[in-house]
Protein backbone atom coordinates (compact mmCIF):
# COMPACT_ATOMS: atom_id res chain seq x y z
CA MET A 1 0.25 -0.09 -0.23
CA THR A 2 3.20 2.14 0.47
CA LEU A 3 4.88 1.70 -3.16
CA LEU A 4 0.76 2.61 -4.05
CA ARG A 5 0.46 5.72 -2.25
CA THR A 6 3.98 7.05 -2.87
CA ALA A 7 3.59 6.29 -6.60
CA VAL A 8 -0.16 7.88 -7.26
CA LEU A 9 2.10 11.00 -4.93
CA ALA A 10 4.90 10.96 -7.59
CA GLY A 11 2.22 10.48 -10.88
CA ALA A 12 0.33 13.44 -9.42
CA THR A 13 3.24 15.72 -8.91
CA LEU A 14 4.42 15.03 -11.72
CA ALA A 15 1.47 16.03 -13.96
CA THR A 16 0.63 18.96 -11.86
CA GLY A 17 4.58 20.27 -13.24
CA LEU A 18 3.73 19.41 -16.17
CA MET A 19 0.64 21.70 -16.40
CA ALA A 20 2.39 24.64 -14.09
CA GLY A 21 5.00 24.33 -16.88
CA ARG A 22 2.91 24.77 -19.96
CA PHE A 23 0.76 27.30 -18.27
CA PHE A 24 3.73 29.10 -17.18
CA ALA A 25 5.65 29.06 -20.47
CA TYR A 26 2.45 30.02 -22.09
CA SER A 27 1.89 33.22 -20.21
CA CYS A 28 5.47 34.03 -20.27
CA TRP A 29 6.43 33.74 -24.05
CA VAL A 30 3.14 32.75 -26.78
CA MET A 31 1.18 35.48 -24.96
CA PRO A 32 3.67 38.29 -25.05
CA GLY A 33 4.55 37.32 -28.37
CA LEU A 34 0.71 37.60 -29.41
CA ALA A 35 0.16 41.12 -27.64
CA ALA A 36 2.69 42.63 -30.12
CA THR A 37 0.01 42.04 -32.93
CA ASP A 38 -3.14 43.19 -33.90
CA ASP A 39 -6.64 41.93 -32.95
CA ARG A 40 -7.84 39.93 -36.22
CA SER A 41 -4.27 37.44 -35.96
CA PHE A 42 -4.46 37.28 -32.02
CA VAL A 43 -7.67 35.72 -32.01
CA GLY A 44 -7.14 33.18 -35.43
CA THR A 45 -3.47 32.23 -33.38
CA MET A 46 -5.65 31.82 -30.95
CA GLN A 47 -8.49 30.21 -32.20
CA TRP A 48 -5.34 27.69 -34.11
CA ILE A 49 -3.71 27.36 -30.67
CA ASN A 50 -7.20 26.24 -28.90
CA ARG A 51 -7.63 23.91 -31.64
CA ARG A 52 -4.20 21.69 -31.19
CA ILE A 53 -3.95 21.57 -28.03
CA LEU A 54 -7.12 19.21 -27.50
CA ASN A 55 -5.11 16.16 -28.44
CA GLY A 56 -4.51 12.72 -26.22
CA TRP A 57 -1.12 13.46 -24.00
CA PHE A 58 -2.78 17.75 -22.80
CA LEU A 59 -5.48 15.55 -21.88
CA ALA A 60 -3.37 12.78 -19.70
CA ALA A 61 -1.90 16.24 -17.76
CA PHE A 62 -4.62 18.57 -17.26
CA LEU A 63 -6.99 15.46 -16.73
CA GLY A 64 -4.93 12.81 -15.08
CA ALA A 65 -3.12 16.03 -12.42
CA VAL A 66 -6.51 16.36 -10.83
CA LEU A 67 -7.25 12.51 -10.56
CA LEU A 68 -4.36 11.67 -9.29
CA PHE A 69 -4.31 14.44 -7.05
CA ALA A 70 -7.75 13.21 -6.04
CA LEU A 71 -6.50 9.83 -5.15
CA ALA A 72 -3.37 10.78 -3.51
CA VAL A 73 -5.92 12.84 -0.95
CA ALA A 74 -8.37 9.42 -0.55
CA LEU A 75 -5.67 7.68 -0.29
CA ILE A 76 -3.62 9.34 2.29
CA GLY A 77 -6.69 10.29 4.36
CA ALA A 78 -7.47 6.37 4.42
CA LEU A 79 -3.92 6.20 6.16
CA LEU A 80 -4.88 8.57 8.55
CA THR A 81 -7.68 7.50 9.68
CA ARG A 82 -6.95 4.00 10.34
CA ARG A 83 -7.07 3.32 13.30
CA PRO A 84 -4.14 1.37 15.11
């Protein structure tokens, strides 16, 4: 059971880190670059990005972070409420 908790917590940490890195990079590099364009280019580029980001890798990291975190909380909560 300890190995399962450790694996789930490590997976949740990795998936959360991947999503945080993606959002950080997006806000630091993509948005400032798009801010330098005109409105029509901005909207067109954002629509293109939104269509391209819908893939299995993004979905796995995005939903995986939430699901693994919830599972880690449940497993650790079960450990803390267990009576000796």
